[in-house]
């Protein structure tokens, strides 16, 4: 291995014309520089210096290494500048993933905040349901994942390779073609209704929610498109549970009613990163941007 320190010493000797003057230039002692050069010659199998009474000159091998020293110094300086730029958020990259209803609600302000506070950091986004988004983080394909979970569904347990932070609640509403009495909908009143299910994770939550109310829903239609759900409800084809984030950006036509359900059915919105990733300045800035969008949740 060729030590960058050796290259610096050879360059200094070439410019100074002696080991002692090179040592003074570098701030080293003359014996330390001499020993470094002797060890390098032994290790590399090349004579690097011609030592004389009036100073020292480089051999051809020494000149070859000294010529490379300029390029190595420039590369090291560039690496230092790049590292400082990343630490100062002058450059970097953060890859986001998020669930569909976050795409039009939480993600735009998060990316806008990143653009405003960290303009040198490049961002990208891919839409994925929570299990897929978490897997993308595990595989290192994304840095930050917006996900959700439900209290009524089984918790698979903490993953020691990930850090999960709750940022808020996303309340659910019962979407019906008729007015529901009361401020909070009672799911058991719709035990005989036709139900519209969503994504597999949401469908599981619907089954668990209805089971907690003492019945099994008759799921006759399934779509994870909130606008389609509302359209089906408007046509009198069923009822559904939809999160507030999905309803925020969905046009609800006259005749369709969204009534809140119990707080215990709300889904938890979370942000997931690889454990320790919050020490990376760009990821830390991304987490701050996500927390800044938490006011859009319940």
Protein backbone atom coordinates (compact mmCIF):
# COMPACT_ATOMS: atom_id res chain seq x y z
CA UNK A 1 0.00 0.00 0.00
CA UNK A 2 1.20 3.50 -0.83
CA UNK A 3 0.57 5.87 2.06
CA UNK A 4 -0.73 9.34 1.07
CA UNK A 5 1.61 10.71 3.75
CA UNK A 6 4.57 9.28 1.82
CA UNK A 7 3.42 11.10 -1.30
CA UNK A 8 3.25 14.37 0.62
CA UNK A 9 6.77 13.84 1.97
CA UNK A 10 8.22 13.06 -1.46
CA UNK A 11 6.58 16.14 -2.94
CA UNK A 12 8.01 18.24 -0.10
CA UNK A 13 11.49 16.79 -0.59
CA UNK A 14 11.33 17.47 -4.30
CA UNK A 15 10.32 21.08 -3.73
CA UNK A 16 12.65 21.72 -0.75
CA UNK A 17 15.70 19.85 -2.02
CA UNK A 18 16.50 18.24 1.32
CA UNK A 19 14.94 16.02 3.96
CA UNK A 20 15.47 18.53 6.76
CA UNK A 21 13.83 21.42 4.87
CA UNK A 22 10.96 19.13 3.80
CA UNK A 23 10.46 18.09 7.43
CA UNK A 24 10.34 21.74 8.51
CA UNK A 25 7.82 22.53 5.80
CA UNK A 26 5.57 19.67 6.88
CA UNK A 27 6.02 20.35 10.60
CA UNK A 28 7.69 16.98 11.25
CA UNK A 29 11.05 16.18 12.79
CA UNK A 30 13.90 15.31 10.43
CA UNK A 31 14.44 11.83 11.98
CA UNK A 32 10.71 11.02 11.61
CA UNK A 33 10.78 11.89 7.90
CA UNK A 34 13.99 9.92 7.35
CA UNK A 35 12.55 6.85 9.05
CA UNK A 36 9.34 7.10 7.04
CA UNK A 37 11.32 7.19 3.80
CA UNK A 38 13.55 4.26 4.78
CA UNK A 39 10.56 2.11 5.73
CA UNK A 40 8.80 3.05 2.47
CA UNK A 41 11.83 2.07 0.38
CA UNK A 42 12.04 -1.27 2.17
CA UNK A 43 8.32 -1.92 1.78
CA UNK A 44 8.10 -0.89 -1.87
CA UNK A 45 11.42 -2.35 -2.99
CA UNK A 46 12.47 0.90 -4.70
CA UNK A 47 15.05 3.53 -3.87
CA UNK A 48 13.13 6.81 -3.66
CA UNK A 49 15.93 9.28 -2.79
CA UNK A 50 19.50 10.01 -3.74
CA UNK A 51 21.03 11.33 -0.51
CA UNK A 52 24.04 13.61 -0.68
CA UNK A 53 25.97 16.00 1.47
CA UNK A 54 24.17 19.03 0.06
CA UNK A 55 20.64 17.60 0.22
CA UNK A 56 18.49 14.96 -1.42
CA UNK A 57 16.98 14.46 -4.84
CA UNK A 58 14.34 12.04 -5.97
CA UNK A 59 15.10 8.93 -7.97
CA UNK A 60 12.94 8.15 -11.00
CA UNK A 61 10.70 6.04 -8.74
CA UNK A 62 10.47 8.92 -6.29
CA UNK A 63 9.57 11.37 -9.06
CA UNK A 64 6.80 9.06 -10.29
CA UNK A 65 5.25 8.97 -6.83
CA UNK A 66 5.71 12.70 -6.31
CA UNK A 67 3.88 13.39 -9.58
CA UNK A 68 0.96 11.34 -8.29
CA UNK A 69 1.01 13.28 -5.02
CA UNK A 70 -0.50 16.33 -6.70
CA UNK A 71 -3.44 14.30 -8.00
CA UNK A 72 -3.92 12.54 -4.66
CA UNK A 73 -3.90 15.81 -2.76
CA UNK A 74 -6.49 17.24 -5.14
CA UNK A 75 -8.66 14.14 -4.78
CA UNK A 76 -8.43 14.24 -0.99
CA UNK A 77 -9.32 17.92 -0.96
CA UNK A 78 -12.28 17.25 -3.24
CA UNK A 79 -13.41 14.37 -1.01
CA UNK A 80 -13.20 16.66 2.03
CA UNK A 81 -15.23 19.34 0.25
CA UNK A 82 -17.84 16.77 -0.81
CA UNK A 83 -18.07 15.41 2.72
CA UNK A 84 -18.48 18.91 4.14
CA UNK A 85 -21.13 19.62 1.50
CA UNK A 86 -23.11 16.56 2.52
CA UNK A 87 -22.81 17.47 6.19
CA UNK A 88 -23.93 20.99 5.42
CA UNK A 89 -26.78 19.75 3.19
CA UNK A 90 -25.26 21.45 0.18
CA UNK A 91 -25.63 18.12 -1.58
CA UNK A 92 -27.00 14.62 -0.96
CA UNK A 93 -29.97 12.43 -1.82
CA UNK A 94 -33.06 11.21 -0.01
CA UNK A 95 -35.39 8.59 -1.50
CA UNK A 96 -38.95 8.52 -0.12
CA UNK A 97 -41.70 5.90 -0.31
CA UNK A 98 -45.28 6.37 0.88
CA UNK A 99 -48.76 4.89 0.82
CA UNK A 100 -51.30 6.07 -1.80
CA UNK A 101 -53.36 8.46 0.30
CA UNK A 102 -50.15 10.11 1.54
CA UNK A 103 -49.07 10.78 -2.04
CA UNK A 104 -51.51 13.65 -2.49
CA UNK A 105 -51.60 14.90 1.12
CA UNK A 106 -48.43 14.41 3.15
CA UNK A 107 -45.82 13.92 0.45
CA UNK A 108 -46.20 17.27 -1.41
CA UNK A 109 -45.51 19.44 1.67
CA UNK A 110 -42.68 17.12 2.74
CA UNK A 111 -40.94 17.40 -0.63
CA UNK A 112 -41.64 21.14 -0.76
CA UNK A 113 -40.08 21.58 2.68
CA UNK A 114 -37.00 19.66 1.57
CA UNK A 115 -36.71 21.85 -1.52
CA UNK A 116 -36.97 25.01 0.59
CA UNK A 117 -34.67 24.05 3.47
CA UNK A 118 -32.20 21.73 1.71
CA UNK A 119 -32.14 22.76 -1.98
CA UNK A 120 -28.88 20.90 -2.57
CA UNK A 121 -30.40 17.56 -1.56
CA UNK A 122 -32.01 15.63 -4.42
CA UNK A 123 -35.26 13.88 -3.56
CA UNK A 124 -37.25 11.11 -5.22
CA UNK A 125 -40.52 9.40 -4.39
CA UNK A 126 -42.17 6.05 -5.09
CA UNK A 127 -45.66 5.01 -4.03
CA UNK A 128 -45.93 1.73 -2.13
CA UNK A 129 -48.21 0.15 0.44
CA UNK A 130 -46.65 -0.11 3.94
CA UNK A 131 -45.30 -3.70 3.70
CA UNK A 132 -43.61 -2.96 0.38
CA UNK A 133 -42.32 0.43 1.54
CA UNK A 134 -40.78 -1.09 4.68
CA UNK A 135 -39.13 -3.79 2.59
CA UNK A 136 -37.66 -1.09 0.35
CA UNK A 137 -36.06 0.48 3.44
CA UNK A 138 -34.70 -2.90 4.55
CA UNK A 139 -33.12 -3.44 1.14
CA UNK A 140 -31.64 0.07 1.12
CA UNK A 141 -33.65 1.10 -1.95
CA UNK A 142 -35.35 4.01 -0.16
CA UNK A 143 -34.23 6.07 2.83
CA UNK A 144 -37.54 7.21 4.34
CA UNK A 145 -40.91 5.41 4.24
CA UNK A 146 -44.28 6.85 5.23
CA UNK A 147 -46.42 3.97 6.47
CA UNK A 148 -49.46 3.26 8.61
CA UNK A 149 -50.60 0.58 11.04
CA UNK A 150 -53.79 -0.34 12.86
CA UNK A 151 -54.21 -1.02 16.57
CA UNK A 152 -56.74 -3.82 15.95
CA UNK A 153 -54.40 -5.81 13.72
CA UNK A 154 -51.62 -8.05 14.97
CA UNK A 155 -48.31 -6.30 15.58
CA UNK A 156 -45.52 -8.28 13.89
CA UNK A 157 -43.06 -6.97 16.48
CA UNK A 158 -40.23 -4.47 16.31
CA UNK A 159 -37.57 -4.93 13.64
CA UNK A 160 -34.16 -4.25 15.21
CA UNK A 161 -32.82 -3.02 11.85
CA UNK A 162 -35.42 -0.24 11.57
CA UNK A 163 -36.53 2.82 13.51
CA UNK A 164 -40.26 3.59 13.44
CA UNK A 165 -41.66 6.90 14.67
CA UNK A 166 -45.36 7.71 14.99
CA UNK A 167 -46.21 11.13 13.58
CA UNK A 168 -50.00 11.22 14.06
CA UNK A 169 -53.36 9.57 13.62
CA UNK A 170 -55.50 9.29 10.52
CA UNK A 171 -59.15 9.00 11.67
CA UNK A 172 -61.55 6.81 9.70
CA UNK A 173 -65.08 7.56 8.55
CA UNK A 174 -67.99 5.38 7.52
CA UNK A 175 -68.99 6.35 3.98
CA UNK A 176 -72.67 5.73 3.26
CA UNK A 177 -75.40 6.76 0.79
CA UNK A 178 -77.68 7.69 3.67
CA UNK A 179 -77.39 10.01 6.66
CA UNK A 180 -76.11 8.25 9.79
CA UNK A 181 -77.62 9.29 13.09
CA UNK A 182 -75.25 10.44 15.80
CA UNK A 183 -71.86 12.11 15.73
CA UNK A 184 -70.05 8.77 15.65
CA UNK A 185 -71.16 5.91 13.41
CA UNK A 186 -72.01 2.54 14.96
CA UNK A 187 -70.67 -0.15 12.63
CA UNK A 188 -73.02 -2.78 14.05
CA UNK A 189 -75.95 -0.85 12.57
CA UNK A 190 -74.57 -1.87 9.16
CA UNK A 191 -74.10 -5.57 9.81
CA UNK A 192 -76.52 -6.38 6.98
CA UNK A 193 -75.03 -3.89 4.50
CA UNK A 194 -72.92 -4.66 1.45
CA UNK A 195 -69.35 -3.56 2.12
CA UNK A 196 -66.59 -2.25 -0.11
CA UNK A 197 -63.09 -3.39 0.85
CA UNK A 198 -59.78 -1.72 0.06
CA UNK A 199 -56.16 -2.87 -0.08
CA UNK A 200 -55.31 -6.13 1.73
CA UNK A 201 -54.10 -4.24 4.81
CA UNK A 202 -57.24 -2.05 4.88
CA UNK A 203 -59.47 -5.06 4.23
CA UNK A 204 -57.91 -6.77 7.23
CA UNK A 205 -58.61 -3.72 9.35
CA UNK A 206 -62.23 -3.64 8.14
CA UNK A 207 -62.67 -7.28 9.16
CA UNK A 208 -61.11 -6.62 12.57
CA UNK A 209 -63.20 -3.49 13.13
CA UNK A 210 -66.44 -5.23 12.29
CA UNK A 211 -65.48 -8.24 14.40
CA UNK A 212 -65.01 -5.87 17.34
CA UNK A 213 -68.61 -4.76 16.72
CA UNK A 214 -69.84 -8.34 16.70
CA UNK A 215 -70.26 -9.22 13.01
CA UNK A 216 -68.49 -10.21 9.81
CA UNK A 217 -68.96 -7.75 6.94
CA UNK A 218 -70.24 -8.96 3.59
CA UNK A 219 -67.48 -7.60 1.34
CA UNK A 220 -68.83 -7.71 -2.19
CA UNK A 221 -66.60 -5.11 -3.88
CA UNK A 222 -62.92 -4.34 -3.51
CA UNK A 223 -60.85 -1.39 -4.70
CA UNK A 224 -58.06 0.68 -3.17
CA UNK A 225 -59.08 3.73 -5.21
CA UNK A 226 -60.88 6.16 -2.87
CA UNK A 227 -62.64 7.95 -5.72
CA UNK A 228 -63.95 4.61 -6.97
CA UNK A 229 -65.16 3.74 -3.46
CA UNK A 230 -67.08 7.00 -3.24
CA UNK A 231 -68.54 6.41 -6.69
CA UNK A 232 -69.72 2.94 -5.71
CA UNK A 233 -71.28 4.29 -2.52
CA UNK A 234 -72.98 7.07 -4.51
CA UNK A 235 -74.49 4.41 -6.76
CA UNK A 236 -75.95 2.66 -3.70
CA UNK A 237 -73.74 -0.41 -4.14
CA UNK A 238 -72.30 -0.56 -0.64
CA UNK A 239 -70.75 1.21 2.35
CA UNK A 240 -67.09 1.57 3.24
CA UNK A 241 -64.53 2.74 5.76
CA UNK A 242 -62.18 5.40 4.41
CA UNK A 243 -59.35 7.30 6.15
CA UNK A 244 -59.53 11.07 6.35
CA UNK A 245 -56.39 11.46 4.23
CA UNK A 246 -58.11 9.64 1.38
CA UNK A 247 -61.27 11.70 1.75
CA UNK A 248 -59.31 14.98 1.84
CA UNK A 249 -58.46 14.79 -1.84
CA UNK A 250 -61.54 12.91 -3.04
CA UNK A 251 -64.59 14.72 -4.38
CA UNK A 252 -67.56 13.53 -2.33
CA UNK A 253 -70.72 13.98 -4.41
CA UNK A 254 -74.08 15.06 -2.99
CA UNK A 255 -75.87 12.16 -1.37
CA UNK A 256 -72.72 10.55 0.01
CA UNK A 257 -72.08 11.01 3.72
CA UNK A 258 -68.83 10.49 5.69
CA UNK A 259 -69.46 9.95 9.41
CA UNK A 260 -66.58 9.57 11.88
CA UNK A 261 -66.14 6.23 13.61
CA UNK A 262 -64.57 5.55 17.00
CA UNK A 263 -61.06 6.88 17.67
CA UNK A 264 -59.87 3.35 18.40
CA UNK A 265 -60.24 2.55 14.70
CA UNK A 266 -57.94 5.36 13.54
CA UNK A 267 -54.77 4.24 11.81
CA UNK A 268 -51.37 5.32 13.06
CA UNK A 269 -49.24 7.14 10.50
CA UNK A 270 -45.55 6.40 10.92
CA UNK A 271 -42.19 7.16 9.36
CA UNK A 272 -39.65 4.37 9.01
CA UNK A 273 -35.89 4.60 8.41
CA UNK A 274 -32.99 2.20 8.83
CA UNK A 275 -31.67 2.18 12.39
CA UNK A 276 -29.00 4.85 12.75
CA UNK A 277 -29.94 6.58 9.50
CA UNK A 278 -31.13 9.63 11.43
CA UNK A 279 -27.45 10.48 11.98
CA UNK A 280 -27.14 11.20 8.25
CA UNK A 281 -27.78 14.97 7.81
CA UNK A 282 -29.99 14.58 4.72
CA UNK A 283 -32.13 11.89 6.36
CA UNK A 284 -32.39 13.98 9.51
CA UNK A 285 -33.62 16.89 7.41
CA UNK A 286 -36.15 14.57 5.76
CA UNK A 287 -37.46 13.44 9.15
CA UNK A 288 -37.84 17.07 10.22
CA UNK A 289 -39.83 17.73 7.02
CA UNK A 290 -42.09 14.76 7.76
CA UNK A 291 -42.69 15.94 11.33
CA UNK A 292 -43.52 19.36 9.93
CA UNK A 293 -46.36 17.83 7.91
CA UNK A 294 -47.82 16.06 10.94
CA UNK A 295 -50.31 18.91 11.48
CA UNK A 296 -52.29 17.49 8.54
CA UNK A 297 -53.12 14.45 10.71
CA UNK A 298 -55.38 14.07 13.68
